[in-house]
PDB file of N, CA and C in Angstrom:
ATOM      1  N   UNK A   1      94.760 128.027 152.250  1.00  0.00           N
ATOM      2  CA  UNK A   1      93.684 127.162 153.057  1.00  0.00           C
ATOM      3  C   UNK A   1      95.088 126.249 153.654  1.00  0.00           C
ATOM      4  N   UNK A   2      94.916 125.724 154.846  1.00  0.00           N
ATOM      5  CA  UNK A   2      95.347 124.917 155.535  1.00  0.00           C
ATOM      6  C   UNK A   2      94.983 123.661 155.193  1.00  0.00           C
ATOM      7  N   UNK A   3      95.959 122.474 154.840  1.00  0.00           N
ATOM      8  CA  UNK A   3      95.341 121.388 154.981  1.00  0.00           C
ATOM      9  C   UNK A   3      95.717 120.349 155.640  1.00  0.00           C
ATOM     10  N   UNK A   4      94.715 119.630 156.524  1.00  0.00           N
ATOM     11  CA  UNK A   4      94.585 119.039 157.572  1.00  0.00           C
ATOM     12  C   UNK A   4      95.231 117.354 157.584  1.00  0.00           C
ATOM     13  N   UNK A   5      95.740 117.122 158.544  1.00  0.00           N
ATOM     14  CA  UNK A   5      96.547 115.628 158.498  1.00  0.00           C
ATOM     15  C   UNK A   5      95.275 114.811 158.091  1.00  0.00           C
ATOM     16  N   UNK A   6      95.540 113.706 157.196  1.00  0.00           N
ATOM     17  CA  UNK A   6      94.616 112.975 156.515  1.00  0.00           C
ATOM     18  C   UNK A   6      93.939 112.060 158.001  1.00  0.00           C
ATOM     19  N   UNK A   7      95.144 111.591 159.111  1.00  0.00           N
ATOM     20  CA  UNK A   7      94.709 110.813 159.842  1.00  0.00           C
ATOM     21  C   UNK A   7      93.561 111.846 161.068  1.00  0.00           C
ATOM     22  N   UNK A   8      93.716 112.836 160.323  1.00  0.00           N
ATOM     23  CA  UNK A   8      92.507 113.980 161.609  1.00  0.00           C
ATOM     24  C   UNK A   8      91.297 113.783 160.381  1.00  0.00           C
ATOM     25  N   UNK A   9      90.858 113.617 159.576  1.00  0.00           N
ATOM     26  CA  UNK A   9      89.970 113.997 159.422  1.00  0.00           C
ATOM     27  C   UNK A   9      88.816 112.324 159.310  1.00  0.00           C
ATOM     28  N   UNK A  10      88.531 112.185 160.643  1.00  0.00           N
ATOM     29  CA  UNK A  10      87.577 111.260 160.539  1.00  0.00           C
ATOM     30  C   UNK A  10      87.665 110.860 162.130  1.00  0.00           C
ATOM     31  N   UNK A  11      86.230 110.837 162.607  1.00  0.00           N
ATOM     32  CA  UNK A  11      85.613 110.837 164.018  1.00  0.00           C
ATOM     33  C   UNK A  11      86.115 109.745 164.938  1.00  0.00           C
ATOM     34  N   UNK A  12      87.061 108.823 164.102  1.00  0.00           N
ATOM     35  CA  UNK A  12      87.635 108.020 165.378  1.00  0.00           C
ATOM     36  C   UNK A  12      88.531 108.568 165.999  1.00  0.00           C
ATOM     37  N   UNK A  13      88.695 107.924 166.878  1.00  0.00           N
ATOM     38  CA  UNK A  13      90.202 107.971 167.916  1.00  0.00           C
ATOM     39  C   UNK A  13      91.202 106.718 167.753  1.00  0.00           C
ATOM     40  N   UNK A  14      92.196 106.997 167.498  1.00  0.00           N
ATOM     41  CA  UNK A  14      93.044 105.874 167.227  1.00  0.00           C
ATOM     42  C   UNK A  14      93.802 105.693 168.105  1.00  0.00           C
ATOM     43  N   UNK A  15      94.235 104.429 168.678  1.00  0.00           N
ATOM     44  CA  UNK A  15      94.076 102.798 168.296  1.00  0.00           C
ATOM     45  C   UNK A  15      92.799 103.005 168.958  1.00  0.00           C
ATOM     46  N   UNK A  16      91.745 102.287 167.691  1.00  0.00           N
ATOM     47  CA  UNK A  16      90.576 101.881 168.427  1.00  0.00           C
ATOM     48  C   UNK A  16      90.240 100.372 167.379  1.00  0.00           C
ATOM     49  N   UNK A  17      89.187  99.665 168.512  1.00  0.00           N
ATOM     50  CA  UNK A  17      88.778  98.458 167.790  1.00  0.00           C
ATOM     51  C   UNK A  17      87.724  98.812 166.833  1.00  0.00           C
ATOM     52  N   UNK A  18      87.943  98.196 165.479  1.00  0.00           N
ATOM     53  CA  UNK A  18      87.272  98.429 164.489  1.00  0.00           C
ATOM     54  C   UNK A  18      86.976  96.926 163.579  1.00  0.00           C
ATOM     55  N   UNK A  19      85.763  96.961 162.605  1.00  0.00           N
ATOM     56  CA  UNK A  19      85.219  95.757 162.735  1.00  0.00           C
ATOM     57  C   UNK A  19      85.087  95.883 161.080  1.00  0.00           C
ATOM     58  N   UNK A  20      85.743  95.156 159.800  1.00  0.00           N
ATOM     59  CA  UNK A  20      85.595  95.448 158.789  1.00  0.00           C
ATOM     60  C   UNK A  20      84.411  94.792 158.451  1.00  0.00           C
ATOM     61  N   UNK A  21      83.852  94.483 157.295  1.00  0.00           N
ATOM     62  CA  UNK A  21      82.679  93.512 157.222  1.00  0.00           C
ATOM     63  C   UNK A  21      83.026  93.637 155.322  1.00  0.00           C
ATOM     64  N   UNK A  22      82.366  92.504 155.169  1.00  0.00           N
ATOM     65  CA  UNK A  22      83.277  91.891 153.294  1.00  0.00           C
ATOM     66  C   UNK A  22      82.215  90.918 152.721  1.00  0.00           C
ATOM     67  N   UNK A  23      81.954  91.359 151.998  1.00  0.00           N
ATOM     68  CA  UNK A  23      81.000  90.295 151.560  1.00  0.00           C
ATOM     69  C   UNK A  23      81.551  89.303 149.895  1.00  0.00           C
ATOM     70  N   UNK A  24      81.421  88.134 149.633  1.00  0.00           N
ATOM     71  CA  UNK A  24      81.654  87.763 149.012  1.00  0.00           C
ATOM     72  C   UNK A  24      80.934  86.706 148.439  1.00  0.00           C
ATOM     73  N   UNK A  25      81.401  85.643 147.425  1.00  0.00           N
ATOM     74  CA  UNK A  25      80.440  84.255 146.927  1.00  0.00           C
ATOM     75  C   UNK A  25      80.814  83.386 147.870  1.00  0.00           C
ATOM     76  N   UNK A  26      79.949  82.686 148.762  1.00  0.00           N
ATOM     77  CA  UNK A  26      80.416  81.201 149.706  1.00  0.00           C
ATOM     78  C   UNK A  26      81.405  80.451 149.098  1.00  0.00           C
ATOM     79  N   UNK A  27      82.633  80.686 148.921  1.00  0.00           N
ATOM     80  CA  UNK A  27      83.260  79.800 148.622  1.00  0.00           C
ATOM     81  C   UNK A  27      84.235  78.959 149.577  1.00  0.00           C
ATOM     82  N   UNK A  28      84.535  78.055 149.662  1.00  0.00           N
ATOM     83  CA  UNK A  28      85.534  77.225 150.702  1.00  0.00           C
ATOM     84  C   UNK A  28      86.470  78.321 151.644  1.00  0.00           C
ATOM     85  N   UNK A  29      86.856  78.878 150.449  1.00  0.00           N
ATOM     86  CA  UNK A  29      88.818  79.819 151.050  1.00  0.00           C
ATOM     87  C   UNK A  29      88.178  81.019 151.479  1.00  0.00           C
ATOM     88  N   UNK A  30      86.998  81.387 151.194  1.00  0.00           N
ATOM     89  CA  UNK A  30      86.958  83.040 151.004  1.00  0.00           C
ATOM     90  C   UNK A  30      87.051  83.925 152.839  1.00  0.00           C
ATOM     91  N   UNK A  31      86.884  83.206 153.549  1.00  0.00           N
ATOM     92  CA  UNK A  31      87.120  84.108 154.814  1.00  0.00           C
ATOM     93  C   UNK A  31      88.713  83.341 155.388  1.00  0.00           C
ATOM     94  N   UNK A  32      89.673  82.744 154.956  1.00  0.00           N
ATOM     95  CA  UNK A  32      91.070  82.504 154.452  1.00  0.00           C
ATOM     96  C   UNK A  32      91.452  83.871 154.019  1.00  0.00           C
ATOM     97  N   UNK A  33      90.646  84.108 152.476  1.00  0.00           N
ATOM     98  CA  UNK A  33      91.180  85.134 151.574  1.00  0.00           C
ATOM     99  C   UNK A  33      91.126  86.400 152.584  1.00  0.00           C
ATOM    100  N   UNK A  34      89.964  86.643 152.542  1.00  0.00           N
ATOM    101  CA  UNK A  34      90.178  87.949 153.671  1.00  0.00           C
ATOM    102  C   UNK A  34      90.796  88.225 154.417  1.00  0.00           C
ATOM    103  N   UNK A  35      90.928  87.346 155.491  1.00  0.00           N
ATOM    104  CA  UNK A  35      92.187  87.352 156.702  1.00  0.00           C
ATOM    105  C   UNK A  35      93.291  87.759 156.063  1.00  0.00           C
ATOM    106  N   UNK A  36      93.632  87.332 154.831  1.00  0.00           N
ATOM    107  CA  UNK A  36      95.182  87.591 154.462  1.00  0.00           C
ATOM    108  C   UNK A  36      95.111  88.507 153.620  1.00  0.00           C
ATOM    109  N   UNK A  37      93.942  89.490 153.195  1.00  0.00           N
ATOM    110  CA  UNK A  37      94.218  90.728 152.495  1.00  0.00           C
ATOM    111  C   UNK A  37      94.028  91.940 153.772  1.00  0.00           C
ATOM    112  N   UNK A  38      93.404  91.431 155.003  1.00  0.00           N
ATOM    113  CA  UNK A  38      93.010  92.539 155.862  1.00  0.00           C
ATOM    114  C   UNK A  38      94.900  92.246 156.124  1.00  0.00           C
ATOM    115  N   UNK A  39      95.148  91.197 156.800  1.00  0.00           N
ATOM    116  CA  UNK A  39      96.469  90.913 157.780  1.00  0.00           C
ATOM    117  C   UNK A  39      97.531  91.608 157.025  1.00  0.00           C
ATOM    118  N   UNK A  40      97.385  91.665 155.089  1.00  0.00           N
ATOM    119  CA  UNK A  40      99.043  92.608 154.783  1.00  0.00           C
ATOM    120  C   UNK A  40      98.598  93.840 155.487  1.00  0.00           C
ATOM    121  N   UNK A  41      98.115  94.386 156.218  1.00  0.00           N
ATOM    122  CA  UNK A  41      98.083  95.717 156.912  1.00  0.00           C
ATOM    123  C   UNK A  41      97.721  95.911 158.223  1.00  0.00           C
ATOM    124  N   UNK A  42      97.220  94.441 158.480  1.00  0.00           N
ATOM    125  CA  UNK A  42      97.153  94.251 160.023  1.00  0.00           C
ATOM    126  C   UNK A  42      97.289  93.094 160.485  1.00  0.00           C
ATOM    127  N   UNK A  43      98.485  92.932 161.347  1.00  0.00           N
ATOM    128  CA  UNK A  43      99.328  91.181 161.531  1.00  0.00           C
ATOM    129  C   UNK A  43      98.476  90.861 162.576  1.00  0.00           C
ATOM    130  N   UNK A  44      98.371  91.988 163.798  1.00  0.00           N
ATOM    131  CA  UNK A  44      97.563  91.421 164.893  1.00  0.00           C
ATOM    132  C   UNK A  44      96.027  90.925 165.100  1.00  0.00           C
ATOM    133  N   UNK A  45      95.849  90.153 164.836  1.00  0.00           N
ATOM    134  CA  UNK A  45      94.366  90.105 164.002  1.00  0.00           C
ATOM    135  C   UNK A  45      94.552  88.832 165.481  1.00  0.00           C
ATOM    136  N   UNK A  46      93.468  89.079 166.737  1.00  0.00           N
ATOM    137  CA  UNK A  46      93.243  88.398 167.604  1.00  0.00           C
ATOM    138  C   UNK A  46      92.723  87.131 167.295  1.00  0.00           C
ATOM    139  N   UNK A  47      92.693  86.054 168.194  1.00  0.00           N
ATOM    140  CA  UNK A  47      91.794  84.538 168.108  1.00  0.00           C
ATOM    141  C   UNK A  47      90.835  85.069 168.275  1.00  0.00           C
ATOM    142  N   UNK A  48      89.929  84.400 167.109  1.00  0.00           N
ATOM    143  CA  UNK A  48      87.991  84.876 167.621  1.00  0.00           C
ATOM    144  C   UNK A  48      87.675  86.330 166.773  1.00  0.00           C
ATOM    145  N   UNK A  49      88.598  86.687 166.887  1.00  0.00           N
ATOM    146  CA  UNK A  49      88.427  87.940 165.794  1.00  0.00           C
ATOM    147  C   UNK A  49      87.542  87.937 164.455  1.00  0.00           C
ATOM    148  N   UNK A  50      87.388  86.929 163.566  1.00  0.00           N
ATOM    149  CA  UNK A  50      86.886  86.613 162.672  1.00  0.00           C
ATOM    150  C   UNK A  50      85.657  85.853 162.856  1.00  0.00           C
ATOM    151  N   UNK A  51      84.643  86.653 161.982  1.00  0.00           N
ATOM    152  CA  UNK A  51      82.963  85.648 162.315  1.00  0.00           C
ATOM    153  C   UNK A  51      82.393  85.244 160.539  1.00  0.00           C
ATOM    154  N   UNK A  52      82.037  84.761 160.429  1.00  0.00           N
ATOM    155  CA  UNK A  52      81.243  84.794 158.953  1.00  0.00           C
ATOM    156  C   UNK A  52      79.492  84.347 159.243  1.00  0.00           C
ATOM    157  N   UNK A  53      79.092  84.916 158.042  1.00  0.00           N
ATOM    158  CA  UNK A  53      77.561  84.129 157.945  1.00  0.00           C
ATOM    159  C   UNK A  53      76.967  84.086 156.903  1.00  0.00           C
ATOM    160  N   UNK A  54      76.679  83.133 156.145  1.00  0.00           N
ATOM    161  CA  UNK A  54      76.273  82.630 155.017  1.00  0.00           C
ATOM    162  C   UNK A  54      74.381  83.059 154.599  1.00  0.00           C
ATOM    163  N   UNK A  55      74.692  83.787 153.828  1.00  0.00           N
ATOM    164  CA  UNK A  55      72.829  84.475 153.293  1.00  0.00           C
ATOM    165  C   UNK A  55      72.055  83.422 153.232  1.00  0.00           C
ATOM    166  N   UNK A  56      70.569  83.540 153.427  1.00  0.00           N
ATOM    167  CA  UNK A  56      70.332  83.121 153.426  1.00  0.00           C
ATOM    168  C   UNK A  56      69.675  81.710 152.610  1.00  0.00           C
ATOM    169  N   UNK A  57      70.084  82.060 151.261  1.00  0.00           N
ATOM    170  CA  UNK A  57      70.018  80.701 149.922  1.00  0.00           C
ATOM    171  C   UNK A  57      71.714  80.161 150.066  1.00  0.00           C
ATOM    172  N   UNK A  58      72.495  80.310 150.939  1.00  0.00           N
ATOM    173  CA  UNK A  58      73.832  79.948 150.703  1.00  0.00           C
ATOM    174  C   UNK A  58      74.679  80.415 149.737  1.00  0.00           C
ATOM    175  N   UNK A  59      74.420  81.408 149.181  1.00  0.00           N
ATOM    176  CA  UNK A  59      74.937  81.777 147.730  1.00  0.00           C
ATOM    177  C   UNK A  59      76.203  82.901 148.091  1.00  0.00           C
ATOM    178  N   UNK A  60      76.143  83.718 149.124  1.00  0.00           N
ATOM    179  CA  UNK A  60      77.003  84.680 149.679  1.00  0.00           C
ATOM    180  C   UNK A  60      77.509  84.333 151.088  1.00  0.00           C
ATOM    181  N   UNK A  61      78.460  84.989 151.283  1.00  0.00           N
ATOM    182  CA  UNK A  61      79.138  84.767 152.846  1.00  0.00           C
ATOM    183  C   UNK A  61      79.645  86.273 153.265  1.00  0.00           C
ATOM    184  N   UNK A  62      79.134  86.438 154.524  1.00  0.00           N
ATOM    185  CA  UNK A  62      79.676  87.796 154.961  1.00  0.00           C
ATOM    186  C   UNK A  62      80.763  87.704 156.157  1.00  0.00           C
ATOM    187  N   UNK A  63      81.600  87.703 155.958  1.00  0.00           N
ATOM    188  CA  UNK A  63      82.849  87.829 156.493  1.00  0.00           C
ATOM    189  C   UNK A  63      83.225  89.398 157.372  1.00  0.00           C
ATOM    190  N   UNK A  64      83.278  88.972 158.911  1.00  0.00           N
ATOM    191  CA  UNK A  64      83.878  90.410 159.258  1.00  0.00           C
ATOM    192  C   UNK A  64      84.574  89.861 160.080  1.00  0.00           C
ATOM    193  N   UNK A  65      85.991  91.278 160.508  1.00  0.00           N
ATOM    194  CA  UNK A  65      87.190  90.864 161.042  1.00  0.00           C
ATOM    195  C   UNK A  65      87.644  92.129 161.737  1.00  0.00           C
ATOM    196  N   UNK A  66      87.499  92.132 163.386  1.00  0.00           N
ATOM    197  CA  UNK A  66      87.715  92.959 164.328  1.00  0.00           C
ATOM    198  C   UNK A  66      89.323  93.099 164.454  1.00  0.00           C
ATOM    199  N   UNK A  67      89.468  94.358 164.557  1.00  0.00           N
ATOM    200  CA  UNK A  67      90.610  94.615 164.818  1.00  0.00           C
ATOM    201  C   UNK A  67      90.780  95.748 165.028  1.00  0.00           C
ATOM    202  N   UNK A  68      92.476  96.042 165.504  1.00  0.00           N
ATOM    203  CA  UNK A  68      92.712  97.472 166.557  1.00  0.00           C
ATOM    204  C   UNK A  68      93.424  98.190 165.377  1.00  0.00           C
ATOM    205  N   UNK A  69      92.608  98.850 164.999  1.00  0.00           N
ATOM    206  CA  UNK A  69      92.964 100.168 163.750  1.00  0.00           C
ATOM    207  C   UNK A  69      94.037 101.477 164.325  1.00  0.00           C
ATOM    208  N   UNK A  70      94.873 101.360 163.889  1.00  0.00           N
ATOM    209  CA  UNK A  70      95.917 102.393 164.419  1.00  0.00           C
ATOM    210  C   UNK A  70      95.716 103.662 163.993  1.00  0.00           C
ATOM    211  N   UNK A  71      95.409 103.719 162.499  1.00  0.00           N
ATOM    212  CA  UNK A  71      95.263 105.105 161.586  1.00  0.00           C
ATOM    213  C   UNK A  71      94.208 105.081 160.483  1.00  0.00           C
ATOM    214  N   UNK A  72      93.821 106.298 160.007  1.00  0.00           N
ATOM    215  CA  UNK A  72      92.691 106.475 159.080  1.00  0.00           C
ATOM    216  C   UNK A  72      93.343 105.696 157.863  1.00  0.00           C
ATOM    217  N   UNK A  73      95.093 105.635 157.818  1.00  0.00           N
ATOM    218  CA  UNK A  73      95.798 105.278 156.789  1.00  0.00           C
ATOM    219  C   UNK A  73      95.412 103.651 156.598  1.00  0.00           C
ATOM    220  N   UNK A  74      95.527 103.350 157.652  1.00  0.00           N
ATOM    221  CA  UNK A  74      95.607 101.943 157.587  1.00  0.00           C
ATOM    222  C   UNK A  74      94.413 101.278 156.967  1.00  0.00           C
ATOM    223  N   UNK A  75      93.529 101.937 157.870  1.00  0.00           N
ATOM    224  CA  UNK A  75      91.951 101.819 157.021  1.00  0.00           C
ATOM    225  C   UNK A  75      91.653 101.776 155.817  1.00  0.00           C
ATOM    226  N   UNK A  76      92.161 102.815 155.121  1.00  0.00           N
ATOM    227  CA  UNK A  76      92.217 103.220 153.708  1.00  0.00           C
ATOM    228  C   UNK A  76      92.940 102.139 152.889  1.00  0.00           C
ATOM    229  N   UNK A  77      93.795 101.772 153.249  1.00  0.00           N
ATOM    230  CA  UNK A  77      94.495 100.410 153.067  1.00  0.00           C
ATOM    231  C   UNK A  77      94.212  99.240 152.398  1.00  0.00           C
ATOM    232  N   UNK A  78      93.117  98.992 153.896  1.00  0.00           N
ATOM    233  CA  UNK A  78      92.678  97.965 153.941  1.00  0.00           C
ATOM    234  C   UNK A  78      91.293  98.022 153.084  1.00  0.00           C
ATOM    235  N   UNK A  79      90.580  98.757 153.330  1.00  0.00           N
ATOM    236  CA  UNK A  79      89.707  98.859 152.255  1.00  0.00           C
ATOM    237  C   UNK A  79      90.134  98.952 150.951  1.00  0.00           C
ATOM    238  N   UNK A  80      90.999  99.721 150.529  1.00  0.00           N
ATOM    239  CA  UNK A  80      91.585  99.386 149.011  1.00  0.00           C
ATOM    240  C   UNK A  80      92.153  98.066 148.665  1.00  0.00           C
ATOM    241  N   UNK A  81      92.556  97.241 149.434  1.00  0.00           N
ATOM    242  CA  UNK A  81      92.804  95.914 148.988  1.00  0.00           C
ATOM    243  C   UNK A  81      91.979  95.020 149.002  1.00  0.00           C
ATOM    244  N   UNK A  82      90.809  95.247 149.732  1.00  0.00           N
ATOM    245  CA  UNK A  82      89.338  94.685 149.300  1.00  0.00           C
ATOM    246  C   UNK A  82      88.603  94.820 148.110  1.00  0.00           C
ATOM    247  N   UNK A  83      88.629  96.321 147.923  1.00  0.00           N
ATOM    248  CA  UNK A  83      87.996  96.696 146.683  1.00  0.00           C
ATOM    249  C   UNK A  83      88.445  96.297 145.984  1.00  0.00           C
ATOM    250  N   UNK A  84      90.063  96.057 145.313  1.00  0.00           N
ATOM    251  CA  UNK A  84      90.793  95.214 144.329  1.00  0.00           C
ATOM    252  C   UNK A  84      90.453  94.179 144.045  1.00  0.00           C
ATOM    253  N   UNK A  85      90.534  93.126 145.224  1.00  0.00           N
ATOM    254  CA  UNK A  85      90.260  92.164 144.543  1.00  0.00           C
ATOM    255  C   UNK A  85      88.576  91.369 144.200  1.00  0.00           C
ATOM    256  N   UNK A  86      89.286  90.639 142.960  1.00  0.00           N
ATOM    257  CA  UNK A  86      87.750  90.408 142.052  1.00  0.00           C
ATOM    258  C   UNK A  86      87.235  89.400 142.789  1.00  0.00           C
ATOM    259  N   UNK A  87      87.471  88.530 143.880  1.00  0.00           N
ATOM    260  CA  UNK A  87      86.686  87.944 144.648  1.00  0.00           C
ATOM    261  C   UNK A  87      85.422  88.835 145.865  1.00  0.00           C
ATOM    262  N   UNK A  88      86.072  89.964 146.006  1.00  0.00           N
ATOM    263  CA  UNK A  88      85.322  90.740 146.956  1.00  0.00           C
ATOM    264  C   UNK A  88      84.302  91.520 146.124  1.00  0.00           C
ATOM    265  N   UNK A  89      83.111  90.837 146.477  1.00  0.00           N
ATOM    266  CA  UNK A  89      81.877  92.005 146.127  1.00  0.00           C
ATOM    267  C   UNK A  89      81.411  93.512 146.959  1.00  0.00           C
ATOM    268  N   UNK A  90      82.034  93.471 147.948  1.00  0.00           N
ATOM    269  CA  UNK A  90      81.424  94.548 148.539  1.00  0.00           C
ATOM    270  C   UNK A  90      82.120  94.549 149.868  1.00  0.00           C
ATOM    271  N   UNK A  91      82.454  95.664 150.702  1.00  0.00           N
ATOM    272  CA  UNK A  91      83.206  95.866 151.576  1.00  0.00           C
ATOM    273  C   UNK A  91      82.671  97.404 152.753  1.00  0.00           C
ATOM    274  N   UNK A  92      82.561  96.789 153.812  1.00  0.00           N
ATOM    275  CA  UNK A  92      81.808  98.023 154.851  1.00  0.00           C
ATOM    276  C   UNK A  92      82.542  98.478 155.935  1.00  0.00           C
TER     277      UNK A  92
END
């Protein structure tokens, strides 16, 4: 059986604009933490590419980071870094 290149196992065409959404507790530096984790794998995050939204009760914070993804491997690495961090509750 022929193995496909991991980059080909996606419906996305690279490079493409992609938004990563991350949830965590609403702590003062959570958005900066998310950006630093994403930046380990994608240095080119444009100004205005990060948005935040607090939950209704204010306990949680959702951070969205829009970036230009260059490969599935890059996205996998971003999600792995996010899921591995103890302050990240969920990433989509």
